[in-house]
Amino acid sequence: MSYSVGQVAGFAGVTVRTLHHYDDIGLLVPSERSHAGHRRYGDADLDRLQQILFYRELGFPLDEVAALLDDPAADPRAHLRRQHELLTARIEKLEKMAAAVEHAMEAHSMGINLTPEEKFEVFGDFDPDEHQEEVRERWGDTDAYRQSQQKTASYTKEDWQRIQNETDELTRRFVALMEAGESAGSEAAMDAAEDHRLGIARNHYDCGYEMHTCLGEMYVSDERFTQNLDAARPGFAVYLRDAILANAARHTS
């Protein structure tokens, strides 16, 4: 049985763009093509994608993942054993992932074919490679990018979920201020902007007031950021930018 690129993206919780990228760089080349030239993935392709995502979850860069998987001296069971050792070393944070690897090892040794859903359910909605190439091109030479890469390399799915929860809570706080008629220059809005800056510093990279104001301007100048922020409430991107600017002025004047 074979699957379309859209089906595989749905199984694995990654984007079609990510699968296209993996194909382009030779990391995951689908074993079949339809008569119309569309990608078709077989069970062996799904097994390889599972291995790729296990390694990506562990923080391995794509070029190293390719080298590991294409090593002629290694076999799928050796990869599973190695991954299991790495995961169990971080057992407190990665209990679910370790269990998934054990499940895959058991299935492989018994000749059981896992369903696509079973192979990828552990990864949830997190896609580590979405927009990664653009981020590297725009900020790859900056200290902030390098610091963020180093800090987030060990983050688990739970860490990313915690950060998302913090972001959602801060968004609700800003929206409540907007709906209450608080100006972006109010003490409450500036305090929220300060917490926004501290969250970036805590979870990603050092974020001084100059850096923070640059981010605020980008939230308005880049329509993708604006659209994403304004989904919470129309005008939120501008309100957040203005609160960031007011907070920076408060601390630097």
Protein backbone atom coordinates (compact mmCIF):
# COMPACT_ATOMS: atom_id res chain seq x y z
CA MET A 1 0.00 0.00 0.00
CA SER A 2 1.24 3.49 -0.76
CA TYR A 3 0.27 6.91 0.53
CA SER A 4 0.15 10.41 -0.92
CA VAL A 5 2.33 13.21 0.41
CA GLY A 6 -0.74 14.78 2.01
CA GLN A 7 -1.64 11.55 3.79
CA VAL A 8 1.90 11.10 5.11
CA ALA A 9 2.00 14.71 6.29
CA GLY A 10 -1.22 14.05 8.19
CA PHE A 11 0.08 10.81 9.74
CA ALA A 12 3.38 12.34 10.87
CA GLY A 13 2.17 15.79 11.91
CA VAL A 14 4.57 17.58 9.56
CA THR A 15 3.86 19.86 6.62
CA VAL A 16 3.83 18.88 2.96
CA ARG A 17 6.55 21.51 2.52
CA THR A 18 8.76 19.63 4.99
CA LEU A 19 8.32 16.36 3.08
CA HIS A 20 9.14 18.13 -0.19
CA HIS A 21 12.29 19.51 1.45
CA TYR A 22 13.31 16.06 2.68
CA ASP A 23 12.86 14.78 -0.89
CA ASP A 24 14.83 17.66 -2.40
CA ILE A 25 17.85 17.05 -0.15
CA GLY A 26 17.70 13.27 -0.58
CA LEU A 27 16.82 12.55 3.05
CA LEU A 28 13.47 10.91 2.29
CA VAL A 29 12.88 10.16 -1.38
CA PRO A 30 9.49 8.49 -1.94
CA SER A 31 9.83 5.03 -3.43
CA GLU A 32 7.06 5.53 -5.98
CA ARG A 33 5.54 8.10 -8.28
CA SER A 34 2.04 8.09 -9.66
CA HIS A 35 1.39 8.22 -13.41
CA ALA A 36 0.93 11.95 -12.97
CA GLY A 37 4.32 12.23 -11.24
CA HIS A 38 2.96 12.68 -7.71
CA ARG A 39 4.93 11.35 -4.74
CA ARG A 40 3.77 8.02 -3.26
CA TYR A 41 5.21 6.67 -0.01
CA GLY A 42 5.40 2.99 0.94
CA ASP A 43 5.81 1.32 4.33
CA ALA A 44 9.61 1.45 4.09
CA ASP A 45 9.41 5.20 3.46
CA LEU A 46 7.23 5.61 6.55
CA ASP A 47 9.74 3.61 8.60
CA ARG A 48 12.51 5.92 7.45
CA LEU A 49 10.43 9.00 8.21
CA GLN A 50 9.77 7.63 11.69
CA GLN A 51 13.54 7.30 12.21
CA ILE A 52 14.12 10.84 10.89
CA LEU A 53 11.58 12.29 13.30
CA PHE A 54 12.97 10.33 16.24
CA TYR A 55 16.42 11.79 15.54
CA ARG A 56 15.00 15.27 14.96
CA GLU A 57 13.16 15.06 18.30
CA LEU A 58 16.54 14.28 19.85
CA GLY A 59 18.02 17.45 18.33
CA PHE A 60 20.10 15.92 15.52
CA PRO A 61 20.62 18.23 12.48
CA LEU A 62 19.36 16.95 9.14
CA ASP A 63 22.80 16.32 7.63
CA GLU A 64 23.75 14.15 10.60
CA VAL A 65 20.44 12.28 10.41
CA ALA A 66 21.15 11.51 6.74
CA ALA A 67 24.65 10.25 7.56
CA LEU A 68 23.32 8.00 10.31
CA LEU A 69 20.49 6.52 8.27
CA ASP A 70 22.62 6.00 5.15
CA ASP A 71 25.46 4.30 7.03
CA PRO A 72 25.77 0.88 5.32
CA ALA A 73 27.05 -0.65 8.55
CA ALA A 74 23.84 0.18 10.44
CA ASP A 75 20.44 -1.49 10.23
CA PRO A 76 17.02 -0.35 11.45
CA ARG A 77 17.35 -2.35 14.67
CA ALA A 78 20.69 -0.71 15.44
CA HIS A 79 19.12 2.72 14.98
CA LEU A 80 16.26 1.78 17.27
CA ARG A 81 18.66 0.51 19.93
CA ARG A 82 20.73 3.70 19.76
CA GLN A 83 17.68 5.92 19.90
CA HIS A 84 16.32 3.98 22.84
CA GLU A 85 19.54 4.56 24.77
CA LEU A 86 19.46 8.30 24.03
CA LEU A 87 15.84 8.62 24.97
CA THR A 88 16.05 6.68 28.20
CA ALA A 89 18.93 8.94 29.27
CA ARG A 90 16.34 11.71 29.27
CA ILE A 91 13.58 9.51 30.67
CA GLU A 92 12.09 12.08 33.04
CA LYS A 93 11.22 14.41 30.17
CA LEU A 94 10.75 11.87 27.39
CA GLU A 95 8.75 9.00 28.85
CA LYS A 96 6.25 9.00 26.03
CA MET A 97 8.94 9.09 23.36
CA ALA A 98 10.90 6.23 24.96
CA ALA A 99 7.72 4.14 25.08
CA ALA A 100 7.16 4.84 21.37
CA VAL A 101 10.65 3.66 20.49
CA GLU A 102 10.18 0.48 22.53
CA HIS A 103 6.92 -0.11 20.71
CA ALA A 104 8.64 0.29 17.35
CA MET A 105 11.45 -2.08 18.39
CA GLU A 106 8.96 -4.72 19.51
CA ALA A 107 6.95 -4.41 16.33
CA HIS A 108 10.07 -4.70 14.18
CA SER A 109 11.40 -7.80 15.97
CA MET A 110 7.99 -9.53 15.76
CA GLY A 111 7.40 -8.58 12.14
CA ILE A 112 4.37 -6.48 13.03
CA ASN A 113 3.52 -3.61 10.69
CA LEU A 114 2.41 -0.60 12.69
CA THR A 115 -0.30 1.58 11.19
CA PRO A 116 0.82 5.04 10.06
CA GLU A 117 -1.12 6.56 12.94
CA GLU A 118 0.71 4.34 15.48
CA LYS A 119 4.11 5.20 14.03
CA PHE A 120 3.68 8.93 14.34
CA GLU A 121 1.18 9.60 17.13
CA VAL A 122 3.95 10.40 19.62
CA PHE A 123 5.06 13.47 17.66
CA GLY A 124 1.73 15.29 17.97
CA ASP A 125 1.51 18.58 16.05
CA PHE A 126 5.13 19.67 16.44
CA ASP A 127 7.08 20.07 13.18
CA PRO A 128 10.70 21.07 13.89
CA ASP A 129 11.54 21.93 10.29
CA GLU A 130 8.68 24.21 9.28
CA HIS A 131 10.17 27.61 8.30
CA GLN A 132 13.62 26.47 9.49
CA GLU A 133 15.33 27.31 6.19
CA GLU A 134 13.94 30.84 6.12
CA VAL A 135 14.91 31.42 9.75
CA ARG A 136 18.46 30.28 9.04
CA GLU A 137 18.73 32.55 5.98
CA ARG A 138 17.44 35.63 7.84
CA TRP A 139 19.15 35.24 11.22
CA GLY A 140 21.69 32.41 10.87
CA ASP A 141 24.70 34.68 11.38
CA THR A 142 23.39 36.38 14.52
CA ASP A 143 24.30 35.66 18.13
CA ALA A 144 20.59 35.43 18.95
CA TYR A 145 20.10 32.62 16.39
CA ARG A 146 23.08 30.66 17.68
CA GLN A 147 21.98 31.11 21.29
CA SER A 148 18.44 30.03 20.46
CA GLN A 149 19.69 26.95 18.59
CA GLN A 150 21.84 25.94 21.55
CA LYS A 151 19.10 26.54 24.11
CA THR A 152 16.30 24.80 22.21
CA ALA A 153 18.34 21.80 21.03
CA SER A 154 17.35 19.83 24.13
CA TYR A 155 13.72 20.98 24.25
CA THR A 156 11.16 18.20 24.29
CA LYS A 157 7.59 18.27 23.03
CA GLU A 158 6.57 19.06 26.62
CA ASP A 159 8.92 22.05 26.68
CA TRP A 160 7.44 23.41 23.45
CA GLN A 161 3.94 22.86 24.84
CA ARG A 162 4.86 24.78 28.00
CA ILE A 163 6.17 27.67 25.92
CA GLN A 164 3.01 27.64 23.79
CA ASN A 165 0.87 27.70 26.93
CA GLU A 166 2.83 30.71 28.21
CA THR A 167 2.36 32.46 24.88
CA ASP A 168 -1.37 31.74 24.82
CA GLU A 169 -1.81 33.04 28.35
CA LEU A 170 0.08 36.25 27.53
CA THR A 171 -2.03 36.71 24.40
CA ARG A 172 -5.23 36.38 26.44
CA ARG A 173 -3.83 38.96 28.85
CA PHE A 174 -3.18 41.46 26.04
CA VAL A 175 -6.58 40.85 24.46
CA ALA A 176 -8.30 41.43 27.81
CA LEU A 177 -6.48 44.76 28.12
CA MET A 178 -7.57 45.77 24.61
CA GLU A 179 -11.17 44.84 25.32
CA ALA A 180 -11.06 46.79 28.59
CA GLY A 181 -9.99 49.90 26.67
CA GLU A 182 -6.48 50.05 28.16
CA SER A 183 -4.09 51.97 25.91
CA ALA A 184 -0.88 50.33 24.70
CA GLY A 185 1.01 52.88 26.79
CA SER A 186 -0.75 51.99 30.04
CA GLU A 187 1.15 50.47 32.95
CA ALA A 188 -0.69 47.18 32.56
CA ALA A 189 0.11 46.91 28.84
CA MET A 190 3.75 47.83 29.39
CA ASP A 191 4.00 45.24 32.17
CA ALA A 192 2.63 42.61 29.78
CA ALA A 193 5.16 43.70 27.15
CA GLU A 194 7.94 43.31 29.72
CA ASP A 195 6.76 39.77 30.46
CA HIS A 196 6.77 39.12 26.70
CA ARG A 197 10.43 40.24 26.52
CA LEU A 198 11.41 38.16 29.56
CA GLY A 199 9.74 35.09 28.07
CA ILE A 200 11.84 35.39 24.92
CA ALA A 201 14.98 35.76 27.05
CA ARG A 202 14.05 32.80 29.22
CA ASN A 203 13.11 30.41 26.43
CA HIS A 204 15.16 31.49 23.41
CA TYR A 205 17.86 34.19 23.54
CA ASP A 206 18.97 37.36 25.30
CA CYS A 207 16.41 39.99 24.35
CA GLY A 208 17.31 43.54 25.31
CA TYR A 209 15.02 46.48 24.73
CA GLU A 210 16.56 47.36 21.35
CA MET A 211 16.08 43.79 20.14
CA HIS A 212 12.56 43.75 21.53
CA THR A 213 11.58 46.91 19.67
CA CYS A 214 12.93 45.41 16.44
CA LEU A 215 10.71 42.39 17.00
CA GLY A 216 7.73 44.67 17.67
CA GLU A 217 8.27 46.48 14.36
CA MET A 218 8.56 43.13 12.54
CA TYR A 219 5.20 42.02 13.96
CA VAL A 220 3.63 44.88 12.01
CA SER A 221 5.86 45.03 8.92
CA ASP A 222 5.73 41.29 8.13
CA GLU A 223 2.17 40.43 7.13
CA ARG A 224 2.58 36.80 8.21
CA PHE A 225 3.28 37.88 11.80
CA THR A 226 0.48 40.43 11.62
CA GLN A 227 -2.04 37.90 10.32
CA ASN A 228 -1.07 35.36 12.98
CA LEU A 229 -1.28 37.87 15.84
CA ASP A 230 -4.47 39.52 14.61
CA ALA A 231 -6.15 36.11 14.61
CA ALA A 232 -6.43 36.57 18.39
CA ARG A 233 -8.07 39.98 17.94
CA PRO A 234 -7.98 42.47 15.05
CA GLY A 235 -5.36 45.13 15.73
CA PHE A 236 -3.42 42.99 18.21
CA ALA A 237 -0.15 43.18 16.23
CA VAL A 238 -0.13 46.98 16.32
CA TYR A 239 -1.19 47.04 19.98
CA LEU A 240 1.62 44.63 20.92
CA ARG A 241 4.16 46.67 18.93
CA ASP A 242 3.05 49.90 20.60
CA ALA A 243 3.18 48.32 24.08
CA ILE A 244 6.69 47.02 23.36
CA LEU A 245 7.84 50.47 22.23
CA ALA A 246 6.29 52.14 25.30
CA ASN A 247 7.87 49.60 27.63
CA ALA A 248 11.30 50.06 26.03
CA ALA A 249 11.02 53.83 26.38
CA ARG A 250 10.02 53.42 30.03
CA HIS A 251 13.16 51.41 30.80
CA THR A 252 15.69 53.24 28.63
CA SER A 253 14.69 56.91 28.94
